[in-house]
Amino acid sequence: MKTLVIATFNKHKLREFQALCRKLKIKAVSLEAFPHVKPPKEDGKTFQENAVKKAREIARLTGLAALADDSGICIDALGGKPGVDSAHFAGPKRDDAANNEKVLKKLACVPDAKRKAHYYCSIAVATPEKLIGIVNGKVNGRILREYRGKNGFGYDPFFYYQPYRKTFAEIPLSVKNKVSHRARALKKAIALLKQL
């Protein structure tokens, strides 16, 4: 079975990727399997730049094929922010609760009709020798004024997905894995993974 390094320490992301990689008979492992490897700084201006940088660097450092994603939420009323700063919107430390509170505070006076948002994900796949390719996925929704649901992570508790009339935190992971930005990007990445 081919081993693919998922360039993350995020257990939630890893679970999503593992669930979606099983069908390809690919063993997905996180960076926790490589304690000597530190991911590069995500200093790109776009999701694509960050994903490519991470995939190339992790593949080089581990000697294995690597898949890296960069994803986040883009809110129309905030000019597309948090965007690439989604994980650190409230400060340098990754803090979902603080990020969520900052978003809700900034949107406090924004009417419901203008609270449109989308999750965006770029996935890059690389071997130690080359970049295999990059794909993107997007899912539209809007930002609620309150948290709903206990599943998911990040901005999921107030990201309302109209087709299900629920937030991403209210739907099971198995369902989210079929419609999320990451799931949509990974479906496209299957063609890249088959090249391995």
Protein backbone atom coordinates (compact mmCIF):
# COMPACT_ATOMS: atom_id res chain seq x y z
CA MET A 1 0.00 0.00 0.00
CA LYS A 2 1.35 3.42 -0.98
CA THR A 3 2.04 5.79 1.91
CA LEU A 4 1.06 9.42 1.48
CA VAL A 5 2.18 12.07 3.93
CA ILE A 6 -0.59 14.53 4.73
CA ALA A 7 1.24 17.76 5.54
CA THR A 8 -0.64 18.58 8.72
CA PHE A 9 -0.74 18.01 12.47
CA ASN A 10 -4.47 18.78 12.48
CA LYS A 11 -6.29 15.60 13.56
CA HIS A 12 -9.61 16.80 12.14
CA LYS A 13 -8.09 17.38 8.69
CA LEU A 14 -6.25 14.06 8.84
CA ARG A 15 -9.48 12.18 9.56
CA GLU A 16 -11.15 13.81 6.56
CA PHE A 17 -8.24 12.92 4.29
CA GLN A 18 -7.93 9.36 5.62
CA ALA A 19 -11.62 8.72 5.04
CA LEU A 20 -11.34 9.96 1.48
CA CYS A 21 -8.03 8.16 0.72
CA ARG A 22 -9.15 4.69 1.85
CA LYS A 23 -10.98 4.15 -1.42
CA LEU A 24 -7.68 4.48 -3.29
CA LYS A 25 -5.94 2.03 -0.96
CA ILE A 26 -3.53 4.75 0.08
CA LYS A 27 -2.29 4.89 3.65
CA ALA A 28 -2.47 8.51 4.83
CA VAL A 29 -0.19 9.51 7.70
CA SER A 30 0.25 12.92 9.30
CA LEU A 31 3.40 14.81 10.17
CA GLU A 32 3.23 13.28 13.64
CA ALA A 33 4.88 10.22 12.07
CA PHE A 34 7.89 12.45 11.28
CA PRO A 35 8.84 14.32 14.46
CA HIS A 36 12.03 15.67 12.86
CA VAL A 37 10.09 17.40 10.07
CA LYS A 38 8.74 20.90 10.52
CA PRO A 39 6.29 22.27 7.95
CA PRO A 40 7.36 25.42 6.15
CA LYS A 41 5.91 28.78 7.06
CA GLU A 42 2.65 29.49 5.25
CA ASP A 43 3.50 32.93 3.98
CA GLY A 44 1.94 32.77 0.52
CA LYS A 45 -0.63 35.30 -0.63
CA THR A 46 -2.96 32.57 -1.92
CA PHE A 47 -4.18 29.16 -0.83
CA GLN A 48 -2.47 27.67 -3.90
CA GLU A 49 0.94 29.14 -3.04
CA ASN A 50 0.81 27.75 0.49
CA ALA A 51 -0.34 24.28 -0.61
CA VAL A 52 2.40 23.95 -3.23
CA LYS A 53 5.11 25.16 -0.86
CA LYS A 54 4.06 22.66 1.83
CA ALA A 55 3.68 19.68 -0.52
CA ARG A 56 7.08 20.20 -2.14
CA GLU A 57 8.90 20.75 1.14
CA ILE A 58 7.32 17.84 3.01
CA ALA A 59 7.94 15.47 0.09
CA ARG A 60 11.59 16.55 0.02
CA LEU A 61 12.05 16.19 3.79
CA THR A 62 10.29 12.82 4.15
CA GLY A 63 11.32 11.21 0.86
CA LEU A 64 7.68 10.22 0.30
CA ALA A 65 4.79 11.52 -1.76
CA ALA A 66 3.05 14.36 0.06
CA LEU A 67 -0.32 16.00 -0.09
CA ALA A 68 -0.76 19.47 1.34
CA ASP A 69 -3.77 21.66 1.51
CA ASP A 70 -4.40 25.21 2.43
CA SER A 71 -7.95 26.15 3.12
CA GLY A 72 -10.03 28.72 4.83
CA ILE A 73 -13.16 30.75 4.85
CA CYS A 74 -13.73 33.86 2.74
CA ILE A 75 -16.48 36.21 3.85
CA ASP A 76 -17.89 38.68 1.34
CA ALA A 77 -18.69 41.39 3.90
CA LEU A 78 -15.08 41.26 5.15
CA GLY A 79 -13.59 41.66 1.69
CA GLY A 80 -12.74 37.96 1.47
CA LYS A 81 -11.13 37.74 4.90
CA PRO A 82 -10.05 35.76 6.87
CA GLY A 83 -8.91 33.96 3.67
CA VAL A 84 -5.35 32.62 3.95
CA ASP A 85 -5.28 33.92 7.54
CA SER A 86 -8.25 31.76 8.60
CA ALA A 87 -6.26 29.65 11.11
CA HIS A 88 -4.68 32.73 12.73
CA PHE A 89 -7.36 35.36 12.25
CA ALA A 90 -7.45 36.28 15.95
CA GLY A 91 -3.69 36.08 16.46
CA PRO A 92 -0.58 33.93 15.96
CA LYS A 93 -1.93 31.03 18.02
CA ARG A 94 -4.43 28.70 16.31
CA ASP A 95 -7.59 29.27 18.33
CA ASP A 96 -10.91 28.31 16.76
CA ALA A 97 -12.99 29.93 19.51
CA ALA A 98 -11.12 33.25 19.30
CA ASN A 99 -11.27 33.23 15.48
CA ASN A 100 -15.02 32.59 15.56
CA GLU A 101 -15.64 35.32 18.09
CA LYS A 102 -13.66 37.82 16.02
CA VAL A 103 -15.70 36.99 12.91
CA LEU A 104 -19.01 37.30 14.74
CA LYS A 105 -17.96 40.62 16.26
CA LYS A 106 -16.93 42.03 12.87
CA LEU A 107 -20.24 40.89 11.33
CA ALA A 108 -22.44 42.04 14.21
CA CYS A 109 -24.00 44.90 12.22
CA VAL A 110 -24.09 43.09 8.87
CA PRO A 111 -27.63 42.10 7.80
CA ASP A 112 -28.38 38.43 7.15
CA ALA A 113 -28.69 38.95 3.39
CA LYS A 114 -25.08 40.19 3.24
CA ARG A 115 -23.44 37.42 5.27
CA LYS A 116 -22.43 35.27 2.29
CA ALA A 117 -19.25 33.27 2.57
CA HIS A 118 -17.45 30.34 1.04
CA TYR A 119 -14.94 27.79 2.17
CA TYR A 120 -12.04 27.35 -0.27
CA CYS A 121 -9.43 24.62 -0.45
CA SER A 122 -6.33 24.14 -2.58
CA ILE A 123 -4.62 20.75 -2.61
CA ALA A 124 -1.15 20.12 -3.98
CA VAL A 125 0.44 16.70 -4.47
CA ALA A 126 4.19 16.30 -4.86
CA THR A 127 6.88 13.64 -4.85
CA PRO A 128 10.46 14.38 -3.77
CA GLU A 129 11.26 14.88 -7.45
CA LYS A 130 8.40 17.05 -8.70
CA LEU A 131 5.04 18.72 -8.23
CA ILE A 132 2.35 16.37 -9.53
CA GLY A 133 -0.35 19.04 -9.61
CA ILE A 134 -2.78 21.28 -7.78
CA VAL A 135 -6.58 21.32 -7.57
CA ASN A 136 -9.17 23.50 -5.85
CA GLY A 137 -12.59 23.10 -4.23
CA LYS A 138 -15.19 25.58 -3.05
CA VAL A 139 -18.49 25.44 -1.19
CA ASN A 140 -20.86 28.36 -0.67
CA GLY A 141 -22.80 29.23 2.46
CA ARG A 142 -23.46 32.07 4.85
CA ILE A 143 -22.50 33.05 8.37
CA LEU A 144 -25.12 32.66 11.10
CA ARG A 145 -25.28 34.84 14.19
CA GLU A 146 -24.99 31.92 16.59
CA TYR A 147 -23.21 28.57 16.89
CA ARG A 148 -25.09 25.41 15.97
CA GLY A 149 -23.86 21.83 16.20
CA LYS A 150 -20.99 19.97 17.82
CA ASN A 151 -19.32 18.32 14.83
CA GLY A 152 -16.69 19.82 12.57
CA PHE A 153 -14.04 22.34 13.51
CA GLY A 154 -12.88 25.84 12.66
CA TYR A 155 -15.72 28.00 11.41
CA ASP A 156 -18.12 25.07 10.94
CA PRO A 157 -20.45 25.93 13.86
CA PHE A 158 -21.79 29.03 12.09
CA PHE A 159 -21.18 28.15 8.42
CA TYR A 160 -24.71 27.51 7.16
CA TYR A 161 -25.04 25.19 4.17
CA GLN A 162 -28.37 25.89 2.46
CA PRO A 163 -28.91 22.50 0.70
CA TYR A 164 -29.06 20.77 4.12
CA ARG A 165 -30.39 23.77 6.04
CA LYS A 166 -27.76 23.08 8.68
CA THR A 167 -24.32 24.28 9.66
CA PHE A 168 -21.30 22.15 8.84
CA ALA A 169 -21.11 21.40 12.58
CA GLU A 170 -24.64 19.93 12.53
CA ILE A 171 -24.04 17.34 9.82
CA PRO A 172 -22.10 14.09 10.34
CA LEU A 173 -18.50 13.94 9.09
CA SER A 174 -19.50 11.27 6.56
CA VAL A 175 -21.97 13.73 5.01
CA LYS A 176 -19.63 16.72 5.20
CA ASN A 177 -16.99 14.61 3.42
CA LYS A 178 -19.25 14.51 0.38
CA VAL A 179 -19.94 18.24 0.08
CA SER A 180 -17.14 20.20 1.76
CA HIS A 181 -14.58 22.34 -0.02
CA ARG A 182 -11.89 19.85 0.97
CA ALA A 183 -13.94 16.90 -0.27
CA ARG A 184 -14.54 18.62 -3.60
CA ALA A 185 -10.85 19.39 -4.00
CA LEU A 186 -9.82 15.88 -2.98
CA LYS A 187 -12.20 14.32 -5.50
CA LYS A 188 -10.29 16.24 -8.15
CA ALA A 189 -6.99 15.21 -6.52
CA ILE A 190 -7.81 11.54 -7.05
CA ALA A 191 -6.51 11.91 -10.60
CA LEU A 192 -3.25 13.31 -9.19
CA LEU A 193 -2.94 10.53 -6.62
CA LYS A 194 -3.41 7.89 -9.30
CA GLN A 195 -0.23 9.20 -10.94
CA LEU A 196 1.70 8.05 -7.88
